[in-house]
Amino acid sequence: MNGRWLDGLVLLLYLGAMAAVGWRLARRQTSTEAYFVARRSVPHWAMGLSMFATLISSITFIAYPGSGFAGNWSELVPGIMVLVVLGLVGAVVIPFYREAVGVSAYEYFGRRFGYGVRAYTGLAFIAGHFSKMGFVLYLMALTASSMTGWDLYLLLGLVGLVTLFYTWLGGLEAVIWTDVVQGLLMWLGALVVLGLLLWMIPGGPEAAVSHAARAGKFELGHWTFDPADARSFWVMALYGFFWYLQKYGADQTVVQRYLVARSHREAFRGVALGAVLCVPIWTLFMFIGTLLWAYYDLGGAPLPAAVLDAQGRVQADRVFPHFLSTQMPAGLAGLFIAALLGAGMSTLSSDLNCLAAVGVEDYYRRLRPDASDAARLRMGRGLVLLAGVLATGIAALIAWRGERVLSFYYAVTSIVSGGLAGLFLLAFLSRRANRRGVWVGIVANLLFTGWAVLTRGSDPWLDLGPYNYPWSGVMIGILGHFVVLLVGYVASWCFPPEANPGWTFWDWRRTRGAGTGQGHGRLS
């Protein structure tokens, strides 16, 4: 593409600016309180933009347009459920966590069911997010490589190094303030592409929208509930509900954001802002995919062989990068590449800091209870460095060996990382649930998820014939939460009740009514 040097210059300026933020904030990271929760002094608007940038990733930039191009808007439905979940639980879960934990979300599970469950939930978080980090880094480097002509491994190393640099130096404060820049850049990049598409489509926007509507491109899925149909509106709504319940109730990357705000009110306003910003940009990228379909279907340009597979079928996820690399003017393409990298880097940097927080709070402090805060800070920085190197290595392995490696890794990590929303509901809502019953529920979920993941699909890892898992893959996570919740609750009745630990919603409501909630892990 003519002008690729200009795109490369924009990209290098962006990466340099992100590194400078980390360098600028490095001197402020003098304690774990600063490094992991930014001294609990972040304004709500910055917190909200940070949550928005963290929930958006390079997957959004590529997968949503690909989905809008290939089908309808059914894959937007899970994202809409973030507003439903926040409306149902936000006003309760946010102040509860701010009063129940210090840094780690999994501290709560330890208080409720003992250290073993705390260690398990921390491990589930680590396993699930490592798989995501490697894929996010690989996907954004792959797309940027196709648009700039730069070597894939060079981009993996460069982006991984810059993200690691500012996260390692600046802690969560650097993560949040780079997220603010990256969040604004994402909106700018998306709006530029939307404007370009609307201007270029033959017949104009009205013709494109009418053509897409006649083809059913704006439908939200099938309205019948069929567990085997991943395009069912109700299946996708259930999936999204439990996904965001797990995010807001048991995910360190979100719970850690609750803790950085100055007050409960500021925390809720920040979380609400993040959710409200997410849904429009998901919709925008789905709309871009639909407009891309209309652009090519109405004869705006021919689809080249590069976006077709061996059987001549269109590979939808390749269409958007092809459009950007061939139709975007020089400089504007660089702006969009920077927005794409920002989407992935915001997710990656947040995960790095949160993984280090979990490592220090849930494991290192257990092994070294007398360690000084300075020692914990050094360990946190070391864990950021280790996690960044491993994530970059996973991305390089995917690039080298192909996505079959990724599918195997997803199979393993999904087995150990599922069911956290069910576990949270059990801990939060049931006084009768006890640690032995909960462990029965966890083991039952591991067995169920292992069977479902390994036997699903037309080419399963383990073929049991008629005993293979029969339904859509998105139902595995939904059912896993129910397995933990129901089996754990029923099993708890098989063991003697434990002394009321005072860590359920009902106890929290009582203590708040008595005016005893103090915050930062002091609920009792």
Protein backbone atom coordinates (compact mmCIF):
# COMPACT_ATOMS: atom_id res chain seq x y z
CA MET A 1 0.00 0.00 0.00
CA ASN A 2 1.39 3.45 -0.94
CA GLY A 3 2.21 5.49 2.11
CA ARG A 4 2.91 2.53 4.38
CA TRP A 5 5.86 4.46 5.76
CA LEU A 6 3.38 7.04 7.09
CA ASP A 7 1.30 4.31 8.73
CA GLY A 8 4.46 2.91 10.29
CA LEU A 9 5.38 6.35 11.62
CA VAL A 10 1.95 6.76 13.24
CA LEU A 11 2.32 3.32 14.79
CA LEU A 12 5.79 4.06 16.20
CA LEU A 13 4.64 7.42 17.62
CA TYR A 14 1.74 5.70 19.36
CA LEU A 15 3.95 2.98 20.87
CA GLY A 16 6.45 5.61 22.00
CA ALA A 17 3.71 7.62 23.72
CA MET A 18 2.48 4.56 25.62
CA ALA A 19 6.01 3.75 26.78
CA ALA A 20 6.45 7.37 27.92
CA VAL A 21 3.37 7.14 30.17
CA GLY A 22 4.87 4.16 32.00
CA TRP A 23 8.20 5.97 32.35
CA ARG A 24 6.47 9.11 33.67
CA LEU A 25 4.53 7.22 36.38
CA ALA A 26 7.29 4.84 37.46
CA ARG A 27 8.45 7.00 40.38
CA ARG A 28 4.99 6.95 41.95
CA GLN A 29 4.95 3.15 42.34
CA THR A 30 6.42 2.99 45.84
CA SER A 31 4.01 0.48 47.43
CA THR A 32 1.67 -2.37 46.53
CA GLU A 33 -1.21 0.01 47.31
CA ALA A 34 0.03 2.24 44.49
CA TYR A 35 1.06 -0.55 42.12
CA PHE A 36 -2.13 -2.62 42.33
CA VAL A 37 -4.95 -0.18 43.24
CA ALA A 38 -3.51 3.24 42.23
CA ARG A 39 -3.84 4.54 45.82
CA ARG A 40 -7.64 4.21 45.49
CA SER A 41 -7.81 7.73 44.08
CA VAL A 42 -8.76 7.39 40.39
CA PRO A 43 -11.62 9.65 39.17
CA HIS A 44 -14.72 7.83 37.98
CA TRP A 45 -14.44 8.96 34.36
CA ALA A 46 -10.90 7.60 34.02
CA MET A 47 -11.94 4.38 35.73
CA GLY A 48 -14.89 4.06 33.35
CA LEU A 49 -12.76 4.60 30.24
CA SER A 50 -10.27 2.07 31.61
CA MET A 51 -12.99 -0.54 32.13
CA PHE A 52 -14.29 0.15 28.64
CA ALA A 53 -10.83 -0.26 27.10
CA THR A 54 -10.21 -3.45 29.08
CA LEU A 55 -13.48 -5.09 28.01
CA ILE A 56 -12.82 -4.17 24.36
CA SER A 57 -9.98 -6.10 22.74
CA SER A 58 -8.49 -6.75 19.32
CA ILE A 59 -11.04 -9.58 19.12
CA THR A 60 -13.75 -6.89 18.96
CA PHE A 61 -11.96 -5.12 16.09
CA ILE A 62 -11.74 -8.27 13.96
CA ALA A 63 -14.37 -10.76 15.14
CA TYR A 64 -17.33 -8.38 15.31
CA PRO A 65 -16.95 -7.06 11.74
CA GLY A 66 -16.35 -10.66 10.62
CA SER A 67 -19.53 -11.78 12.34
CA GLY A 68 -21.54 -8.88 10.89
CA PHE A 69 -20.20 -9.71 7.42
CA ALA A 70 -20.86 -13.45 7.61
CA GLY A 71 -24.22 -13.54 9.38
CA ASN A 72 -26.60 -11.44 11.44
CA TRP A 73 -26.25 -9.61 14.75
CA SER A 74 -26.82 -12.58 17.06
CA GLU A 75 -23.29 -12.30 18.45
CA LEU A 76 -24.09 -8.80 19.67
CA VAL A 77 -26.67 -10.21 22.11
CA PRO A 78 -24.15 -11.33 24.79
CA GLY A 79 -22.68 -7.83 24.86
CA ILE A 80 -26.09 -6.25 25.45
CA MET A 81 -26.43 -8.38 28.58
CA VAL A 82 -23.69 -6.35 30.28
CA LEU A 83 -26.31 -3.67 30.90
CA VAL A 84 -28.77 -6.21 32.32
CA VAL A 85 -26.18 -7.67 34.70
CA LEU A 86 -24.97 -4.26 35.82
CA GLY A 87 -28.55 -3.13 36.43
CA LEU A 88 -29.30 -6.21 38.55
CA VAL A 89 -26.16 -6.51 40.65
CA GLY A 90 -24.03 -3.39 40.24
CA ALA A 91 -25.43 -1.43 43.18
CA VAL A 92 -24.84 -4.43 45.47
CA VAL A 93 -21.71 -6.19 44.22
CA ILE A 94 -19.55 -3.07 43.86
CA PRO A 95 -19.89 -1.77 47.45
CA PHE A 96 -19.79 -5.34 48.76
CA TYR A 97 -16.39 -6.03 47.22
CA ARG A 98 -15.06 -2.63 48.28
CA GLU A 99 -15.91 -3.57 51.87
CA ALA A 100 -14.96 -7.25 51.70
CA VAL A 101 -11.52 -7.40 50.06
CA GLY A 102 -8.25 -5.50 50.00
CA VAL A 103 -6.80 -6.20 46.54
CA SER A 104 -7.76 -9.68 45.29
CA ALA A 105 -11.31 -10.71 44.40
CA TYR A 106 -10.45 -14.25 45.48
CA GLU A 107 -9.81 -13.09 49.04
CA TYR A 108 -13.60 -13.17 49.34
CA PHE A 109 -13.82 -16.84 48.37
CA GLY A 110 -11.14 -17.61 50.93
CA ARG A 111 -13.07 -15.85 53.68
CA ARG A 112 -16.21 -17.72 52.66
CA PHE A 113 -14.93 -21.25 51.98
CA GLY A 114 -11.29 -21.42 53.10
CA TYR A 115 -7.93 -20.97 51.44
CA GLY A 116 -8.29 -24.01 49.16
CA VAL A 117 -11.22 -22.42 47.30
CA ARG A 118 -9.37 -19.11 47.20
CA ALA A 119 -6.36 -20.81 45.60
CA TYR A 120 -8.59 -22.65 43.11
CA THR A 121 -10.46 -19.52 41.99
CA GLY A 122 -7.18 -17.64 41.61
CA LEU A 123 -5.81 -20.48 39.49
CA ALA A 124 -8.98 -20.51 37.38
CA PHE A 125 -8.56 -16.79 36.72
CA ILE A 126 -4.88 -17.19 35.81
CA ALA A 127 -5.53 -20.11 33.44
CA GLY A 128 -8.41 -18.41 31.66
CA HIS A 129 -6.61 -15.11 31.18
CA PHE A 130 -3.34 -16.58 29.97
CA SER A 131 -5.19 -18.20 27.07
CA LYS A 132 -6.86 -14.89 26.26
CA MET A 133 -3.65 -12.85 26.50
CA GLY A 134 -1.78 -15.00 24.01
CA PHE A 135 -4.62 -14.97 21.50
CA VAL A 136 -5.27 -11.21 21.81
CA LEU A 137 -1.58 -10.45 21.22
CA TYR A 138 -1.41 -12.87 18.28
CA LEU A 139 -4.57 -11.52 16.65
CA MET A 140 -3.61 -7.86 16.83
CA ALA A 141 -0.08 -8.56 15.57
CA LEU A 142 -1.42 -10.72 12.73
CA THR A 143 -3.84 -8.03 11.60
CA ALA A 144 -1.29 -5.23 11.91
CA SER A 145 1.23 -7.33 9.97
CA SER A 146 -1.20 -7.84 7.09
CA MET A 147 -1.85 -4.09 6.93
CA THR A 148 1.71 -2.78 7.30
CA GLY A 149 3.78 -5.54 5.72
CA TRP A 150 5.88 -5.75 8.89
CA ASP A 151 7.10 -9.16 10.03
CA LEU A 152 4.62 -10.89 12.35
CA TYR A 153 7.23 -11.91 14.91
CA LEU A 154 8.70 -8.39 14.93
CA LEU A 155 5.27 -6.97 15.77
CA LEU A 156 4.68 -9.62 18.45
CA GLY A 157 7.95 -8.72 20.11
CA LEU A 158 7.54 -4.94 19.72
CA VAL A 159 3.96 -4.72 20.98
CA GLY A 160 4.59 -7.25 23.75
CA LEU A 161 7.71 -5.37 24.87
CA VAL A 162 6.07 -1.92 24.94
CA THR A 163 3.03 -3.22 26.83
CA LEU A 164 5.24 -5.02 29.31
CA PHE A 165 7.45 -1.93 29.71
CA TYR A 166 4.73 0.53 30.73
CA THR A 167 2.85 -2.01 32.85
CA TRP A 168 6.00 -3.12 34.68
CA LEU A 169 7.11 0.44 35.37
CA GLY A 170 3.85 2.26 36.03
CA GLY A 171 1.59 -0.34 37.64
CA LEU A 172 -2.19 -0.06 37.51
CA GLU A 173 -1.95 3.72 37.34
CA ALA A 174 -0.13 3.47 34.00
CA VAL A 175 -2.61 0.83 32.85
CA ILE A 176 -5.55 3.12 33.60
CA TRP A 177 -4.15 6.27 32.00
CA THR A 178 -2.97 4.47 28.88
CA ASP A 179 -6.43 2.88 28.78
CA VAL A 180 -7.96 6.36 28.70
CA VAL A 181 -5.91 7.26 25.62
CA GLN A 182 -6.52 3.88 24.01
CA GLY A 183 -10.27 4.02 24.68
CA LEU A 184 -10.58 7.40 22.96
CA LEU A 185 -8.41 6.14 20.10
CA MET A 186 -10.70 3.13 19.62
CA TRP A 187 -13.72 5.40 19.20
CA LEU A 188 -11.85 7.66 16.79
CA GLY A 189 -10.64 4.73 14.69
CA ALA A 190 -14.08 3.14 14.53
CA LEU A 191 -15.80 6.39 13.54
CA VAL A 192 -13.23 7.09 10.81
CA VAL A 193 -13.81 3.65 9.27
CA LEU A 194 -17.59 4.05 9.53
CA GLY A 195 -17.47 7.41 7.76
CA LEU A 196 -15.24 6.02 5.00
CA LEU A 197 -17.53 3.05 4.41
CA LEU A 198 -20.69 5.15 4.31
CA TRP A 199 -19.05 7.44 1.75
CA MET A 200 -17.76 4.61 -0.48
CA ILE A 201 -20.79 2.26 -0.62
CA PRO A 202 -22.50 2.26 -4.04
CA GLY A 203 -25.90 3.93 -3.72
CA GLY A 204 -25.07 5.49 -0.36
CA PRO A 205 -25.99 4.55 3.23
CA GLU A 206 -29.72 4.19 2.56
CA ALA A 207 -29.15 1.62 -0.19
CA ALA A 208 -26.73 -0.32 2.00
CA VAL A 209 -29.05 -0.43 5.02
CA SER A 210 -32.07 -1.42 2.90
CA HIS A 211 -30.09 -4.14 1.13
CA ALA A 212 -28.81 -5.53 4.43
CA ALA A 213 -32.25 -5.41 6.05
CA ARG A 214 -33.80 -7.40 3.18
CA ALA A 215 -31.11 -10.05 3.70
CA GLY A 216 -31.87 -10.32 7.44
CA LYS A 217 -28.46 -8.96 8.44
CA PHE A 218 -29.84 -6.98 11.40
CA GLU A 219 -31.66 -9.88 13.04
CA LEU A 220 -30.63 -10.79 16.60
CA GLY A 221 -30.87 -14.53 16.06
CA HIS A 222 -33.50 -17.25 16.09
CA TRP A 223 -36.25 -16.72 18.64
CA THR A 224 -36.65 -20.38 19.56
CA PHE A 225 -34.68 -21.75 22.51
CA ASP A 226 -32.50 -24.55 21.14
CA PRO A 227 -29.41 -25.50 23.21
CA ALA A 228 -27.77 -26.87 20.05
CA ASP A 229 -28.19 -23.59 18.13
CA ALA A 230 -25.48 -20.99 18.78
CA ARG A 231 -27.58 -18.49 16.81
CA SER A 232 -30.53 -18.72 19.19
CA PHE A 233 -31.26 -15.36 20.80
CA TRP A 234 -32.03 -16.99 24.15
CA VAL A 235 -28.89 -19.13 24.16
CA MET A 236 -26.74 -16.09 23.41
CA ALA A 237 -28.58 -14.02 26.03
CA LEU A 238 -28.00 -16.69 28.69
CA TYR A 239 -24.37 -16.96 27.68
CA GLY A 240 -23.90 -13.20 27.93
CA PHE A 241 -25.72 -12.98 31.26
CA PHE A 242 -23.50 -15.55 32.96
CA TRP A 243 -20.36 -14.30 31.23
CA TYR A 244 -20.85 -10.79 32.63
CA LEU A 245 -22.06 -12.10 35.98
CA GLN A 246 -18.72 -13.89 36.19
CA LYS A 247 -16.93 -10.73 35.05
CA TYR A 248 -18.59 -8.45 37.60
CA GLY A 249 -18.72 -11.03 40.39
CA ALA A 250 -15.52 -13.08 40.13
CA ASP A 251 -13.03 -11.54 37.69
CA GLN A 252 -10.00 -9.75 39.07
CA THR A 253 -9.68 -7.39 36.08
CA VAL A 254 -13.10 -5.91 36.93
CA VAL A 255 -13.12 -6.22 40.73
CA GLN A 256 -9.71 -4.54 40.94
CA ARG A 257 -11.25 -1.53 39.17
CA TYR A 258 -13.92 -1.28 41.89
CA LEU A 259 -11.13 -0.72 44.41
CA VAL A 260 -9.36 2.17 42.67
CA ALA A 261 -12.25 4.63 43.05
CA ARG A 262 -12.49 7.18 45.84
CA SER A 263 -15.95 6.09 47.03
CA HIS A 264 -18.73 3.56 46.41
CA ARG A 265 -20.61 6.15 44.37
CA GLU A 266 -17.57 6.96 42.23
CA ALA A 267 -16.96 3.24 41.69
CA PHE A 268 -20.51 2.63 40.48
CA ARG A 269 -20.43 5.65 38.18
CA GLY A 270 -17.15 4.45 36.68
CA VAL A 271 -18.38 0.90 36.12
CA ALA A 272 -21.63 2.18 34.61
CA LEU A 273 -19.72 4.48 32.25
CA GLY A 274 -17.55 1.57 31.10
CA ALA A 275 -20.58 -0.61 30.35
CA VAL A 276 -22.47 2.18 28.59
CA LEU A 277 -19.48 2.86 26.33
CA CYS A 278 -19.02 -0.82 25.44
CA VAL A 279 -22.40 -1.58 23.92
CA PRO A 280 -22.35 1.22 21.30
CA ILE A 281 -18.87 0.33 20.06
CA TRP A 282 -19.75 -3.38 19.83
CA THR A 283 -22.82 -2.33 17.84
CA LEU A 284 -20.68 -0.02 15.71
CA PHE A 285 -18.25 -2.78 14.76
CA MET A 286 -21.10 -5.17 14.00
CA PHE A 287 -22.61 -2.45 11.79
CA ILE A 288 -19.24 -1.99 10.06
CA GLY A 289 -19.27 -5.72 9.24
CA THR A 290 -22.78 -5.43 7.81
CA LEU A 291 -21.77 -2.40 5.73
CA LEU A 292 -18.73 -4.31 4.45
CA TRP A 293 -21.05 -7.07 3.25
CA ALA A 294 -23.24 -4.49 1.50
CA TYR A 295 -20.19 -2.74 -0.01
CA TYR A 296 -18.89 -5.91 -1.66
CA ASP A 297 -22.33 -7.35 -2.46
CA LEU A 298 -23.40 -4.15 -4.21
CA GLY A 299 -20.26 -4.17 -6.34
CA GLY A 300 -18.09 -1.67 -4.50
CA ALA A 301 -15.02 -3.84 -5.21
CA PRO A 302 -14.29 -7.50 -6.00
CA LEU A 303 -13.20 -9.84 -3.23
CA PRO A 304 -9.67 -11.12 -3.95
CA ALA A 305 -8.42 -14.67 -3.62
CA ALA A 306 -6.57 -13.66 -0.44
CA VAL A 307 -9.82 -13.71 1.56
CA LEU A 308 -11.01 -17.07 0.18
CA ASP A 309 -10.21 -20.51 1.56
CA ALA A 310 -9.17 -23.55 -0.51
CA GLN A 311 -12.82 -24.29 -1.33
CA GLY A 312 -13.47 -20.75 -2.56
CA ARG A 313 -15.49 -19.71 0.50
CA VAL A 314 -15.11 -16.23 1.95
CA GLN A 315 -13.19 -16.15 5.24
CA ALA A 316 -15.13 -13.38 6.94
CA ASP A 317 -12.45 -12.42 9.48
CA ARG A 318 -10.06 -11.56 6.63
CA VAL A 319 -12.40 -9.16 4.84
CA PHE A 320 -12.08 -6.20 7.22
CA PRO A 321 -8.25 -6.22 7.31
CA HIS A 322 -8.25 -6.51 3.50
CA PHE A 323 -10.58 -3.52 3.18
CA LEU A 324 -8.41 -1.44 5.52
CA SER A 325 -5.17 -2.31 3.74
CA THR A 326 -6.54 -1.56 0.26
CA GLN A 327 -9.07 1.26 0.77
CA MET A 328 -7.89 3.31 3.76
CA PRO A 329 -5.79 6.39 2.89
CA ALA A 330 -2.22 6.46 4.19
CA GLY A 331 -2.05 7.84 7.71
CA LEU A 332 -5.68 7.00 8.46
CA ALA A 333 -4.80 3.32 8.15
CA GLY A 334 -2.00 3.95 10.64
CA LEU A 335 -4.48 5.59 12.98
CA PHE A 336 -6.72 2.55 12.81
CA ILE A 337 -3.78 0.19 13.36
CA ALA A 338 -2.91 2.22 16.47
CA ALA A 339 -6.53 1.87 17.64
CA LEU A 340 -6.39 -1.88 17.00
CA LEU A 341 -3.16 -2.20 18.98
CA GLY A 342 -4.65 -0.02 21.71
CA ALA A 343 -7.60 -2.37 22.03
CA GLY A 344 -5.32 -5.35 22.50
CA MET A 345 -2.71 -3.59 24.64
CA SER A 346 -5.32 -2.28 27.09
CA THR A 347 -6.57 -5.82 27.66
CA LEU A 348 -3.06 -7.24 27.88
CA SER A 349 -1.74 -4.62 30.32
CA SER A 350 -4.74 -5.00 32.59
CA ASP A 351 -4.33 -8.76 32.65
CA LEU A 352 -0.61 -8.46 33.45
CA ASN A 353 -1.19 -6.23 36.46
CA CYS A 354 -4.14 -8.29 37.71
CA LEU A 355 -2.26 -11.58 37.34
CA ALA A 356 0.56 -10.11 39.41
CA ALA A 357 -1.92 -8.89 42.04
CA VAL A 358 -3.44 -12.37 42.32
CA GLY A 359 0.01 -13.96 42.48
CA VAL A 360 1.15 -11.67 45.29
CA GLU A 361 -2.06 -11.50 47.32
CA ASP A 362 -3.31 -15.08 46.97
CA TYR A 363 -0.08 -17.08 46.85
CA TYR A 364 3.06 -15.12 47.78
CA ARG A 365 1.57 -13.66 50.97
CA ARG A 366 0.46 -17.16 51.95
CA LEU A 367 4.00 -18.49 51.48
CA ARG A 368 5.70 -15.42 52.96
CA PRO A 369 3.25 -13.88 55.47
CA ASP A 370 5.99 -11.77 57.07
CA ALA A 371 7.28 -10.30 53.79
CA SER A 372 7.57 -6.53 53.77
CA ASP A 373 5.55 -4.38 51.41
CA ALA A 374 8.74 -3.62 49.49
CA ALA A 375 9.32 -7.36 49.00
CA ARG A 376 5.73 -7.82 47.81
CA LEU A 377 6.19 -4.94 45.36
CA ARG A 378 9.35 -6.54 43.96
CA MET A 379 7.50 -9.84 43.60
CA GLY A 380 4.62 -8.06 41.84
CA ARG A 381 6.98 -6.49 39.32
CA GLY A 382 8.68 -9.85 38.80
CA LEU A 383 5.34 -11.54 38.14
CA VAL A 384 4.38 -8.85 35.60
CA LEU A 385 7.66 -9.52 33.81
CA LEU A 386 7.17 -13.29 33.88
CA ALA A 387 3.54 -13.11 32.73
CA GLY A 388 4.44 -10.74 29.88
CA VAL A 389 7.20 -13.00 28.60
CA LEU A 390 4.95 -16.07 28.82
CA ALA A 391 2.04 -14.33 27.04
CA THR A 392 4.34 -13.23 24.22
CA GLY A 393 5.70 -16.78 24.02
CA ILE A 394 2.19 -18.22 23.78
CA ALA A 395 1.37 -15.77 20.96
CA ALA A 396 4.57 -16.73 19.12
CA LEU A 397 3.74 -20.43 19.56
CA ILE A 398 0.30 -19.86 18.03
CA ALA A 399 1.93 -18.01 15.12
CA TRP A 400 4.47 -20.81 14.63
CA ARG A 401 2.32 -23.91 15.07
CA GLY A 402 -1.07 -22.63 13.98
CA GLU A 403 -4.36 -22.22 15.78
CA ARG A 404 -4.70 -25.95 16.46
CA VAL A 405 -2.33 -25.27 19.36
CA LEU A 406 -4.70 -22.55 20.53
CA SER A 407 -7.73 -24.85 20.37
CA PHE A 408 -5.94 -27.42 22.54
CA TYR A 409 -4.91 -24.73 25.02
CA TYR A 410 -8.48 -23.40 25.14
CA ALA A 411 -9.74 -26.93 25.78
CA VAL A 412 -7.46 -27.33 28.80
CA THR A 413 -8.00 -23.86 30.28
CA SER A 414 -11.77 -23.86 29.80
CA ILE A 415 -11.96 -27.02 31.90
CA VAL A 416 -10.24 -25.43 34.90
CA SER A 417 -11.57 -21.87 34.56
CA GLY A 418 -15.32 -22.47 34.32
CA GLY A 419 -18.11 -22.19 36.87
CA LEU A 420 -16.93 -19.07 38.71
CA ALA A 421 -20.27 -17.27 38.36
CA GLY A 422 -22.04 -20.26 39.91
CA LEU A 423 -19.47 -20.35 42.70
CA PHE A 424 -19.95 -16.63 43.33
CA LEU A 425 -23.74 -17.02 43.54
CA LEU A 426 -23.34 -19.93 45.95
CA ALA A 427 -20.98 -17.95 48.18
CA PHE A 428 -22.94 -14.72 48.00
CA LEU A 429 -26.52 -15.96 48.38
CA SER A 430 -26.45 -19.17 50.46
CA ARG A 431 -25.68 -19.27 54.18
CA ARG A 432 -26.07 -23.06 54.08
CA ALA A 433 -23.30 -23.63 51.53
CA ASN A 434 -20.12 -24.93 53.15
CA ARG A 435 -16.59 -25.68 52.01
CA ARG A 436 -16.99 -29.44 51.63
CA GLY A 437 -20.19 -29.09 49.65
CA VAL A 438 -18.59 -26.44 47.46
CA TRP A 439 -15.67 -28.75 46.67
CA VAL A 440 -18.14 -31.41 45.53
CA GLY A 441 -19.67 -28.81 43.19
CA ILE A 442 -16.25 -27.77 41.87
CA VAL A 443 -15.22 -31.37 41.15
CA ALA A 444 -18.58 -32.06 39.48
CA ASN A 445 -18.08 -29.02 37.24
CA LEU A 446 -14.53 -30.08 36.33
CA LEU A 447 -15.82 -33.51 35.31
CA PHE A 448 -18.76 -32.10 33.36
CA THR A 449 -16.70 -29.41 31.60
CA GLY A 450 -13.92 -31.86 30.78
CA TRP A 451 -16.40 -34.26 29.19
CA ALA A 452 -18.20 -31.49 27.27
CA VAL A 453 -15.07 -29.75 25.96
CA LEU A 454 -13.30 -32.93 24.90
CA THR A 455 -16.29 -34.61 23.20
CA ARG A 456 -18.02 -31.69 21.45
CA GLY A 457 -18.01 -30.92 17.74
CA SER A 458 -17.58 -32.92 14.56
CA ASP A 459 -13.90 -33.61 15.25
CA PRO A 460 -13.65 -34.03 19.04
CA TRP A 461 -10.50 -34.59 21.04
CA LEU A 462 -12.24 -37.61 22.61
CA ASP A 463 -14.91 -39.44 20.60
CA LEU A 464 -17.44 -41.33 22.76
CA GLY A 465 -19.94 -41.80 19.94
CA PRO A 466 -23.51 -41.40 21.22
CA TYR A 467 -22.18 -40.12 24.56
CA ASN A 468 -20.51 -37.04 23.07
CA TYR A 469 -21.66 -33.61 24.23
CA PRO A 470 -24.57 -32.77 21.87
CA TRP A 471 -25.19 -29.02 22.23
CA SER A 472 -23.65 -25.70 21.26
CA GLY A 473 -20.27 -24.86 22.73
CA VAL A 474 -21.58 -21.68 24.37
CA MET A 475 -23.91 -23.82 26.51
CA ILE A 476 -20.91 -25.45 28.24
CA GLY A 477 -20.15 -22.36 30.28
CA ILE A 478 -23.81 -21.77 31.10
CA LEU A 479 -24.33 -25.33 32.31
CA GLY A 480 -21.03 -25.28 34.22
CA HIS A 481 -22.27 -22.42 36.40
CA PHE A 482 -25.47 -24.33 37.16
CA VAL A 483 -23.50 -27.49 37.99
CA VAL A 484 -21.40 -25.67 40.59
CA LEU A 485 -24.40 -23.84 42.01
CA LEU A 486 -26.85 -26.75 42.24
CA VAL A 487 -24.47 -29.61 43.06
CA GLY A 488 -22.57 -27.46 45.55
CA TYR A 489 -25.76 -26.39 47.30
CA VAL A 490 -27.29 -29.88 47.47
CA ALA A 491 -23.98 -31.42 48.59
CA SER A 492 -23.69 -28.84 51.38
CA TRP A 493 -26.81 -30.35 52.97
CA CYS A 494 -24.96 -33.68 53.21
CA PHE A 495 -22.42 -32.18 55.63
CA PRO A 496 -22.89 -30.54 59.03
CA PRO A 497 -23.52 -26.80 58.80
CA GLU A 498 -20.57 -24.54 59.50
CA ALA A 499 -20.63 -21.54 61.78
CA ASN A 500 -22.07 -18.58 59.88
CA PRO A 501 -18.99 -16.85 58.48
CA GLY A 502 -20.78 -13.54 57.95
CA TRP A 503 -19.83 -13.21 54.30
CA THR A 504 -23.13 -13.57 52.42
CA PHE A 505 -25.32 -10.87 50.92
CA TRP A 506 -27.74 -11.26 53.81
CA ASP A 507 -25.04 -10.64 56.42
CA TRP A 508 -23.66 -7.71 54.45
CA ARG A 509 -27.11 -6.12 54.23
CA ARG A 510 -27.57 -6.55 57.98
CA THR A 511 -24.20 -4.99 58.83
CA ARG A 512 -24.84 -2.07 56.49
CA GLY A 513 -28.18 -1.55 58.16
CA ALA A 514 -26.35 -1.43 61.49
CA GLY A 515 -23.79 1.00 60.01
CA THR A 516 -20.76 -1.25 60.58
CA GLY A 517 -19.40 -1.66 57.02
CA GLN A 518 -15.98 -0.05 56.99
CA GLY A 519 -14.48 -0.93 53.60
CA HIS A 520 -11.30 -2.56 52.35
CA GLY A 521 -11.72 -6.02 53.82
CA ARG A 522 -13.28 -5.06 57.14
CA LEU A 523 -16.77 -6.51 56.72
CA SER A 524 -17.41 -9.00 59.52
